[in-house]
Amino acid sequence: MVGLSEINSKNYDIILDKVKYTPMTPVSDSPMPEYPDNAYNIKTEIKQQQKHLSNNEVLEIISKYKAGKSTYELAKEYGCHRRTISDNLKKQGIKVTNQLMERKGVVELVIQMYSEYIKPADIAKAVGINVDSVRKILKENNVYIRKSWEYPRK
């Protein structure tokens, strides 16, 4: 019998009952029989085709990124993952940052709207960014994040 960890020791009786009524598997020295390839349902296809960007596409991405497009927007445009865009930019020596924080007016607008007791989800919709980005802006600017019950009831 196999020793039980502390987690399973509480279930010792249940496990012991299962073991009692489980037939023993005979052990033999014979080699495993040959199984056809379709004996196991093994999935070998890739769910998402990996995108390889051409040199021209990388140059376009660099110029669009420098013009202010986000890695998310570029990924959607080129039909690949955000990480593919980011990795290619980094290979070209471009520092990939959160450009949202560098956009003039966005940070101030988010902070002002939040000070007027507008919820982060509503700010995100109004500004056109993700709610997590709103929280990140508030946190990086040392703004107290309110609890849901701290908002005035309507």
N, C-alpha and C. Protein backbone atom coordinates (compact mmCIF):
# COMPACT_ATOMS: atom_id res chain seq x y z
N MET A 1 0.85 -1.18 0.00
CA MET A 1 0.00 0.00 0.00
C MET A 1 0.89 1.24 0.00
N VAL A 2 0.43 2.30 -0.58
CA VAL A 2 1.17 3.54 -0.70
C VAL A 2 0.86 4.42 0.49
N GLY A 3 1.90 5.14 0.99
CA GLY A 3 1.68 6.06 2.10
C GLY A 3 0.84 7.24 1.67
N LEU A 4 0.09 7.80 2.59
CA LEU A 4 -0.79 8.91 2.28
C LEU A 4 -0.21 10.22 2.77
N SER A 5 -0.43 11.27 2.00
CA SER A 5 0.01 12.59 2.45
C SER A 5 -0.95 13.07 3.53
N GLU A 6 -0.58 14.17 4.20
CA GLU A 6 -1.45 14.72 5.25
C GLU A 6 -2.82 15.09 4.71
N ILE A 7 -2.86 15.58 3.50
CA ILE A 7 -4.12 16.01 2.91
C ILE A 7 -5.05 14.81 2.76
N ASN A 8 -4.50 13.69 2.25
CA ASN A 8 -5.33 12.52 2.00
C ASN A 8 -5.53 11.64 3.24
N SER A 9 -4.76 11.88 4.30
CA SER A 9 -4.89 11.03 5.48
C SER A 9 -6.27 11.14 6.11
N LYS A 10 -6.93 12.27 5.93
CA LYS A 10 -8.29 12.45 6.46
C LYS A 10 -9.28 11.56 5.71
N ASN A 11 -8.94 11.23 4.48
CA ASN A 11 -9.82 10.41 3.65
C ASN A 11 -9.36 8.94 3.64
N TYR A 12 -8.62 8.55 4.61
CA TYR A 12 -8.02 7.22 4.65
C TYR A 12 -9.07 6.11 4.52
N ASP A 13 -10.15 6.21 5.26
CA ASP A 13 -11.18 5.17 5.23
C ASP A 13 -11.82 5.06 3.85
N ILE A 14 -12.07 6.19 3.24
CA ILE A 14 -12.68 6.19 1.92
C ILE A 14 -11.74 5.55 0.90
N ILE A 15 -10.48 5.93 0.96
CA ILE A 15 -9.49 5.38 0.03
C ILE A 15 -9.31 3.88 0.27
N LEU A 16 -9.28 3.47 1.53
CA LEU A 16 -9.11 2.06 1.87
C LEU A 16 -10.27 1.22 1.33
N ASP A 17 -11.50 1.76 1.41
CA ASP A 17 -12.65 1.04 0.86
C ASP A 17 -12.53 0.87 -0.65
N LYS A 18 -12.06 1.90 -1.32
CA LYS A 18 -11.89 1.83 -2.78
C LYS A 18 -10.84 0.77 -3.15
N VAL A 19 -9.76 0.73 -2.39
CA VAL A 19 -8.67 -0.20 -2.67
C VAL A 19 -9.11 -1.64 -2.43
N LYS A 20 -9.91 -1.88 -1.40
CA LYS A 20 -10.37 -3.24 -1.06
C LYS A 20 -11.12 -3.89 -2.22
N TYR A 21 -11.94 -3.11 -2.90
CA TYR A 21 -12.80 -3.67 -3.92
C TYR A 21 -12.26 -3.47 -5.34
N THR A 22 -11.04 -3.02 -5.47
CA THR A 22 -10.42 -2.85 -6.78
C THR A 22 -9.62 -4.10 -7.10
N PRO A 23 -9.88 -4.73 -8.23
CA PRO A 23 -9.13 -5.94 -8.55
C PRO A 23 -7.65 -5.64 -8.77
N MET A 24 -6.82 -6.58 -8.43
CA MET A 24 -5.37 -6.43 -8.58
C MET A 24 -5.01 -6.54 -10.06
N THR A 25 -4.05 -5.75 -10.49
CA THR A 25 -3.57 -5.81 -11.85
C THR A 25 -2.36 -6.73 -11.88
N PRO A 26 -2.42 -7.77 -12.71
CA PRO A 26 -1.28 -8.68 -12.75
C PRO A 26 -0.05 -8.00 -13.35
N VAL A 27 1.10 -8.33 -12.83
CA VAL A 27 2.36 -7.77 -13.33
C VAL A 27 3.04 -8.85 -14.15
N SER A 28 3.46 -8.48 -15.34
CA SER A 28 4.14 -9.46 -16.18
C SER A 28 5.39 -8.83 -16.77
N ASP A 29 6.32 -9.67 -17.18
CA ASP A 29 7.57 -9.19 -17.78
C ASP A 29 7.45 -9.07 -19.29
N SER A 30 6.29 -9.40 -19.82
CA SER A 30 6.14 -9.36 -21.28
C SER A 30 6.11 -7.92 -21.76
N PRO A 31 6.68 -7.70 -22.94
CA PRO A 31 6.67 -6.33 -23.47
C PRO A 31 5.24 -5.90 -23.81
N MET A 32 5.03 -4.58 -23.84
CA MET A 32 3.70 -4.06 -24.16
C MET A 32 3.34 -4.41 -25.59
N PRO A 33 2.10 -4.80 -25.80
CA PRO A 33 1.68 -5.11 -27.17
C PRO A 33 1.72 -3.85 -28.03
N GLU A 34 1.86 -4.04 -29.31
CA GLU A 34 1.87 -2.91 -30.24
C GLU A 34 0.46 -2.34 -30.38
N TYR A 35 0.35 -1.04 -30.25
CA TYR A 35 -0.94 -0.38 -30.41
C TYR A 35 -0.91 0.42 -31.70
N PRO A 36 -2.00 0.40 -32.43
CA PRO A 36 -2.03 1.24 -33.63
C PRO A 36 -2.00 2.71 -33.23
N ASP A 37 -1.61 3.57 -34.16
CA ASP A 37 -1.49 5.01 -33.88
C ASP A 37 -2.81 5.61 -33.40
N ASN A 38 -3.92 5.04 -33.83
CA ASN A 38 -5.21 5.63 -33.45
C ASN A 38 -5.77 5.04 -32.15
N ALA A 39 -4.95 4.26 -31.44
CA ALA A 39 -5.41 3.67 -30.20
C ALA A 39 -5.61 4.74 -29.12
N TYR A 40 -4.82 5.77 -29.19
CA TYR A 40 -4.95 6.88 -28.25
C TYR A 40 -5.41 8.10 -29.02
N ASN A 41 -6.29 8.84 -28.42
CA ASN A 41 -6.79 10.05 -29.06
C ASN A 41 -5.86 11.20 -28.70
N ILE A 42 -4.74 11.30 -29.38
CA ILE A 42 -3.75 12.34 -29.10
C ILE A 42 -3.93 13.45 -30.12
N LYS A 43 -4.11 14.65 -29.62
CA LYS A 43 -4.29 15.80 -30.50
C LYS A 43 -2.92 16.36 -30.84
N THR A 44 -2.65 16.45 -32.11
CA THR A 44 -1.35 16.95 -32.54
C THR A 44 -1.45 18.28 -33.27
N GLU A 45 -2.66 18.71 -33.59
CA GLU A 45 -2.76 19.96 -34.32
C GLU A 45 -2.62 21.16 -33.37
N ILE A 46 -2.11 22.24 -33.91
CA ILE A 46 -1.94 23.47 -33.15
C ILE A 46 -3.25 24.23 -33.20
N LYS A 47 -3.73 24.67 -32.04
CA LYS A 47 -5.02 25.37 -32.00
C LYS A 47 -4.92 26.75 -32.64
N GLN A 48 -3.83 27.45 -32.40
CA GLN A 48 -3.66 28.77 -32.97
C GLN A 48 -2.40 28.77 -33.81
N GLN A 49 -2.53 29.07 -35.08
CA GLN A 49 -1.38 29.13 -35.95
C GLN A 49 -0.50 30.31 -35.54
N GLN A 50 0.77 30.04 -35.34
CA GLN A 50 1.68 31.09 -34.93
C GLN A 50 2.00 31.98 -36.13
N LYS A 51 1.97 33.26 -35.92
CA LYS A 51 2.18 34.23 -36.99
C LYS A 51 3.64 34.64 -37.03
N HIS A 52 4.24 34.54 -38.20
CA HIS A 52 5.60 35.03 -38.40
C HIS A 52 5.49 36.32 -39.20
N LEU A 53 6.00 37.39 -38.64
CA LEU A 53 5.90 38.69 -39.29
C LEU A 53 7.07 38.88 -40.24
N SER A 54 6.79 39.38 -41.43
CA SER A 54 7.84 39.66 -42.40
C SER A 54 8.59 40.93 -41.98
N ASN A 55 9.73 41.16 -42.61
CA ASN A 55 10.52 42.36 -42.29
C ASN A 55 9.74 43.63 -42.59
N ASN A 56 8.97 43.62 -43.69
CA ASN A 56 8.16 44.80 -44.03
C ASN A 56 7.08 45.05 -42.98
N GLU A 57 6.45 43.96 -42.51
CA GLU A 57 5.43 44.11 -41.47
C GLU A 57 6.03 44.64 -40.18
N VAL A 58 7.22 44.17 -39.83
CA VAL A 58 7.88 44.65 -38.61
C VAL A 58 8.18 46.15 -38.73
N LEU A 59 8.64 46.58 -39.90
CA LEU A 59 8.93 48.01 -40.10
C LEU A 59 7.65 48.85 -40.00
N GLU A 60 6.54 48.32 -40.56
CA GLU A 60 5.25 49.02 -40.45
C GLU A 60 4.81 49.10 -38.99
N ILE A 61 4.98 48.01 -38.28
CA ILE A 61 4.58 47.96 -36.87
C ILE A 61 5.37 48.97 -36.07
N ILE A 62 6.68 49.06 -36.33
CA ILE A 62 7.53 50.02 -35.62
C ILE A 62 7.03 51.44 -35.84
N SER A 63 6.74 51.78 -37.08
CA SER A 63 6.29 53.16 -37.36
C SER A 63 4.93 53.43 -36.73
N LYS A 64 4.03 52.45 -36.78
CA LYS A 64 2.71 52.64 -36.18
C LYS A 64 2.80 52.71 -34.66
N TYR A 65 3.69 51.91 -34.08
CA TYR A 65 3.87 51.94 -32.62
C TYR A 65 4.42 53.29 -32.18
N LYS A 66 5.39 53.79 -32.92
CA LYS A 66 5.96 55.11 -32.60
C LYS A 66 4.94 56.23 -32.79
N ALA A 67 3.97 55.99 -33.69
CA ALA A 67 2.92 56.98 -33.93
C ALA A 67 1.84 56.96 -32.85
N GLY A 68 1.89 55.94 -31.96
CA GLY A 68 0.97 55.93 -30.84
C GLY A 68 0.03 54.75 -30.75
N LYS A 69 0.10 53.82 -31.71
CA LYS A 69 -0.79 52.64 -31.62
C LYS A 69 -0.27 51.71 -30.53
N SER A 70 -1.19 51.05 -29.85
CA SER A 70 -0.81 50.11 -28.78
C SER A 70 -0.48 48.75 -29.37
N THR A 71 0.19 47.92 -28.57
CA THR A 71 0.50 46.57 -29.01
C THR A 71 -0.79 45.77 -29.23
N TYR A 72 -1.82 46.06 -28.45
CA TYR A 72 -3.10 45.38 -28.61
C TYR A 72 -3.74 45.73 -29.95
N GLU A 73 -3.72 47.00 -30.30
CA GLU A 73 -4.30 47.44 -31.57
C GLU A 73 -3.53 46.84 -32.75
N LEU A 74 -2.21 46.83 -32.63
CA LEU A 74 -1.38 46.27 -33.70
C LEU A 74 -1.58 44.77 -33.84
N ALA A 75 -1.72 44.08 -32.72
CA ALA A 75 -1.94 42.64 -32.75
C ALA A 75 -3.25 42.31 -33.46
N LYS A 76 -4.27 43.08 -33.19
CA LYS A 76 -5.56 42.86 -33.83
C LYS A 76 -5.45 43.13 -35.34
N GLU A 77 -4.74 44.19 -35.70
CA GLU A 77 -4.58 44.58 -37.10
C GLU A 77 -3.80 43.53 -37.89
N TYR A 78 -2.76 42.96 -37.30
CA TYR A 78 -1.90 42.01 -37.99
C TYR A 78 -2.27 40.54 -37.74
N GLY A 79 -3.31 40.32 -36.95
CA GLY A 79 -3.81 38.96 -36.74
C GLY A 79 -2.86 38.08 -35.96
N CYS A 80 -2.28 38.62 -34.91
CA CYS A 80 -1.38 37.83 -34.08
C CYS A 80 -1.58 38.22 -32.62
N HIS A 81 -0.79 37.61 -31.76
CA HIS A 81 -0.90 37.89 -30.33
C HIS A 81 -0.13 39.17 -29.99
N ARG A 82 -0.57 39.83 -28.95
CA ARG A 82 0.10 41.05 -28.47
C ARG A 82 1.57 40.78 -28.17
N ARG A 83 1.85 39.61 -27.64
CA ARG A 83 3.22 39.26 -27.28
C ARG A 83 4.12 39.17 -28.51
N THR A 84 3.57 38.73 -29.65
CA THR A 84 4.34 38.67 -30.89
C THR A 84 4.78 40.07 -31.30
N ILE A 85 3.87 41.01 -31.19
CA ILE A 85 4.19 42.41 -31.52
C ILE A 85 5.25 42.92 -30.58
N SER A 86 5.05 42.71 -29.29
CA SER A 86 5.97 43.19 -28.27
C SER A 86 7.37 42.60 -28.46
N ASP A 87 7.43 41.30 -28.70
CA ASP A 87 8.73 40.63 -28.90
C ASP A 87 9.47 41.18 -30.11
N ASN A 88 8.74 41.41 -31.20
CA ASN A 88 9.39 41.95 -32.40
C ASN A 88 9.88 43.37 -32.20
N LEU A 89 9.12 44.17 -31.45
CA LEU A 89 9.57 45.53 -31.15
C LEU A 89 10.84 45.50 -30.30
N LYS A 90 10.86 44.62 -29.32
CA LYS A 90 12.02 44.51 -28.44
C LYS A 90 13.25 44.04 -29.21
N LYS A 91 13.06 43.12 -30.16
CA LYS A 91 14.19 42.63 -30.98
C LYS A 91 14.81 43.77 -31.79
N GLN A 92 13.98 44.75 -32.13
CA GLN A 92 14.46 45.89 -32.91
C GLN A 92 15.02 47.00 -32.01
N GLY A 93 15.09 46.74 -30.71
CA GLY A 93 15.67 47.70 -29.78
C GLY A 93 14.73 48.80 -29.33
N ILE A 94 13.44 48.59 -29.50
CA ILE A 94 12.44 49.59 -29.11
C ILE A 94 11.91 49.23 -27.73
N LYS A 95 11.91 50.20 -26.84
CA LYS A 95 11.40 49.98 -25.50
C LYS A 95 9.88 49.97 -25.54
N VAL A 96 9.31 48.85 -25.10
CA VAL A 96 7.86 48.71 -25.10
C VAL A 96 7.37 49.12 -23.72
N THR A 97 6.56 50.17 -23.70
CA THR A 97 6.05 50.69 -22.43
C THR A 97 4.54 50.84 -22.51
N ASN A 98 3.98 51.19 -21.40
CA ASN A 98 2.56 51.47 -21.37
C ASN A 98 2.38 52.91 -21.85
N GLN A 99 2.12 53.05 -23.14
CA GLN A 99 2.01 54.39 -23.73
C GLN A 99 0.83 55.17 -23.20
N LEU A 100 -0.13 54.46 -22.63
CA LEU A 100 -1.30 55.13 -22.08
C LEU A 100 -0.89 56.13 -21.02
N MET A 101 0.09 55.74 -20.21
CA MET A 101 0.53 56.63 -19.14
C MET A 101 1.23 57.87 -19.68
N GLU A 102 1.74 57.76 -20.91
CA GLU A 102 2.47 58.88 -21.50
C GLU A 102 1.56 59.81 -22.32
N ARG A 103 0.34 59.37 -22.61
CA ARG A 103 -0.58 60.21 -23.36
C ARG A 103 -1.01 61.39 -22.50
N LYS A 104 -0.85 62.56 -23.04
CA LYS A 104 -1.21 63.75 -22.29
C LYS A 104 -2.73 63.82 -22.12
N GLY A 105 -3.15 64.16 -20.95
CA GLY A 105 -4.56 64.36 -20.70
C GLY A 105 -5.30 63.13 -20.20
N VAL A 106 -4.87 61.92 -20.59
CA VAL A 106 -5.59 60.72 -20.19
C VAL A 106 -5.50 60.52 -18.68
N VAL A 107 -4.30 60.63 -18.16
CA VAL A 107 -4.10 60.42 -16.72
C VAL A 107 -4.88 61.46 -15.93
N GLU A 108 -4.77 62.70 -16.35
CA GLU A 108 -5.48 63.77 -15.65
C GLU A 108 -6.99 63.59 -15.73
N LEU A 109 -7.47 63.18 -16.90
CA LEU A 109 -8.91 62.97 -17.09
C LEU A 109 -9.42 61.85 -16.19
N VAL A 110 -8.66 60.75 -16.13
CA VAL A 110 -9.07 59.61 -15.30
C VAL A 110 -9.13 60.03 -13.83
N ILE A 111 -8.10 60.74 -13.37
CA ILE A 111 -8.05 61.17 -11.97
C ILE A 111 -9.19 62.15 -11.67
N GLN A 112 -9.46 63.07 -12.59
CA GLN A 112 -10.54 64.03 -12.38
C GLN A 112 -11.89 63.33 -12.32
N MET A 113 -12.14 62.41 -13.25
CA MET A 113 -13.42 61.70 -13.26
C MET A 113 -13.59 60.87 -11.99
N TYR A 114 -12.50 60.26 -11.53
CA TYR A 114 -12.57 59.45 -10.32
C TYR A 114 -12.85 60.31 -9.10
N SER A 115 -12.30 61.52 -9.09
CA SER A 115 -12.55 62.43 -7.97
C SER A 115 -14.00 62.88 -7.92
N GLU A 116 -14.69 62.76 -9.06
CA GLU A 116 -16.11 63.11 -9.13
C GLU A 116 -17.00 61.90 -8.83
N TYR A 117 -16.39 60.86 -8.23
CA TYR A 117 -17.09 59.63 -7.82
C TYR A 117 -17.69 58.85 -9.00
N ILE A 118 -17.03 58.91 -10.12
CA ILE A 118 -17.42 58.07 -11.26
C ILE A 118 -16.68 56.74 -11.10
N LYS A 119 -17.38 55.64 -11.28
CA LYS A 119 -16.80 54.31 -11.08
C LYS A 119 -15.77 54.00 -12.18
N PRO A 120 -14.75 53.22 -11.85
CA PRO A 120 -13.70 52.88 -12.82
C PRO A 120 -14.24 52.27 -14.12
N ALA A 121 -15.27 51.43 -14.04
CA ALA A 121 -15.83 50.81 -15.25
C ALA A 121 -16.43 51.88 -16.16
N ASP A 122 -17.08 52.87 -15.56
CA ASP A 122 -17.68 53.95 -16.35
C ASP A 122 -16.61 54.86 -16.94
N ILE A 123 -15.54 55.08 -16.19
CA ILE A 123 -14.42 55.89 -16.69
C ILE A 123 -13.79 55.18 -17.89
N ALA A 124 -13.59 53.85 -17.77
CA ALA A 124 -12.98 53.07 -18.83
C ALA A 124 -13.78 53.19 -20.12
N LYS A 125 -15.12 53.09 -20.01
CA LYS A 125 -15.97 53.21 -21.20
C LYS A 125 -15.86 54.61 -21.81
N ALA A 126 -15.86 55.62 -20.96
CA ALA A 126 -15.84 57.00 -21.45
C ALA A 126 -14.51 57.34 -22.12
N VAL A 127 -13.42 56.86 -21.55
CA VAL A 127 -12.09 57.20 -22.08
C VAL A 127 -11.69 56.25 -23.20
N GLY A 128 -12.28 55.07 -23.23
CA GLY A 128 -11.94 54.10 -24.28
C GLY A 128 -10.75 53.23 -23.93
N ILE A 129 -10.62 52.91 -22.63
CA ILE A 129 -9.53 52.05 -22.18
C ILE A 129 -10.11 50.93 -21.32
N ASN A 130 -9.24 50.04 -20.91
CA ASN A 130 -9.62 48.90 -20.08
C ASN A 130 -9.77 49.36 -18.63
N VAL A 131 -10.68 48.75 -17.89
CA VAL A 131 -10.89 49.10 -16.49
C VAL A 131 -9.63 48.84 -15.66
N ASP A 132 -8.85 47.82 -16.04
CA ASP A 132 -7.60 47.56 -15.33
C ASP A 132 -6.61 48.71 -15.54
N SER A 133 -6.65 49.32 -16.71
CA SER A 133 -5.79 50.48 -16.98
C SER A 133 -6.19 51.66 -16.11
N VAL A 134 -7.48 51.82 -15.89
CA VAL A 134 -7.96 52.90 -15.01
C VAL A 134 -7.41 52.69 -13.61
N ARG A 135 -7.54 51.47 -13.11
CA ARG A 135 -7.03 51.17 -11.76
C ARG A 135 -5.52 51.36 -11.67
N LYS A 136 -4.82 50.99 -12.73
CA LYS A 136 -3.36 51.14 -12.75
C LYS A 136 -2.97 52.62 -12.71
N ILE A 137 -3.68 53.44 -13.47
CA ILE A 137 -3.41 54.89 -13.46
C ILE A 137 -3.62 55.44 -12.05
N LEU A 138 -4.73 55.06 -11.43
CA LEU A 138 -5.02 55.55 -10.08
C LEU A 138 -3.96 55.09 -9.08
N LYS A 139 -3.58 53.84 -9.17
CA LYS A 139 -2.59 53.29 -8.24
C LYS A 139 -1.24 53.96 -8.41
N GLU A 140 -0.80 54.14 -9.66
CA GLU A 140 0.51 54.75 -9.92
C GLU A 140 0.55 56.22 -9.53
N ASN A 141 -0.61 56.84 -9.40
CA ASN A 141 -0.67 58.24 -9.00
C ASN A 141 -1.11 58.38 -7.54
N ASN A 142 -0.97 57.28 -6.78
CA ASN A 142 -1.25 57.27 -5.35
C ASN A 142 -2.65 57.77 -5.00
N VAL A 143 -3.63 57.38 -5.82
CA VAL A 143 -5.01 57.74 -5.55
C VAL A 143 -5.65 56.58 -4.80
N TYR A 144 -6.34 56.89 -3.72
CA TYR A 144 -7.02 55.87 -2.92
C TYR A 144 -8.10 55.21 -3.77
N ILE A 145 -8.09 53.90 -3.82
CA ILE A 145 -9.09 53.14 -4.56
C ILE A 145 -10.26 52.85 -3.62
N ARG A 146 -11.43 53.38 -3.98
CA ARG A 146 -12.61 53.23 -3.12
C ARG A 146 -13.17 51.82 -3.19
N LYS A 147 -13.81 51.44 -2.13
CA LYS A 147 -14.57 50.20 -2.09
C LYS A 147 -15.94 50.48 -2.71
N SER A 148 -16.63 49.46 -3.13
CA SER A 148 -17.91 49.65 -3.82
C SER A 148 -18.94 50.36 -2.94
N TRP A 149 -18.88 50.11 -1.63
CA TRP A 149 -19.87 50.73 -0.74
C TRP A 149 -19.56 52.20 -0.43
N GLU A 150 -18.41 52.69 -0.88
CA GLU A 150 -18.05 54.07 -0.60
C GLU A 150 -18.61 55.04 -1.65
N TYR A 151 -19.23 54.52 -2.69
CA TYR A 151 -19.83 55.38 -3.69
C TYR A 151 -21.23 55.80 -3.22
N PRO A 152 -21.65 57.02 -3.57
CA PRO A 152 -22.99 57.45 -3.18
C PRO A 152 -24.06 56.62 -3.89
N ARG A 153 -25.11 56.32 -3.19
CA ARG A 153 -26.21 55.54 -3.78
C ARG A 153 -27.07 56.46 -4.63
N LYS A 154 -27.58 55.88 -5.67
CA LYS A 154 -28.41 56.68 -6.60
C LYS A 154 -29.86 56.53 -6.27
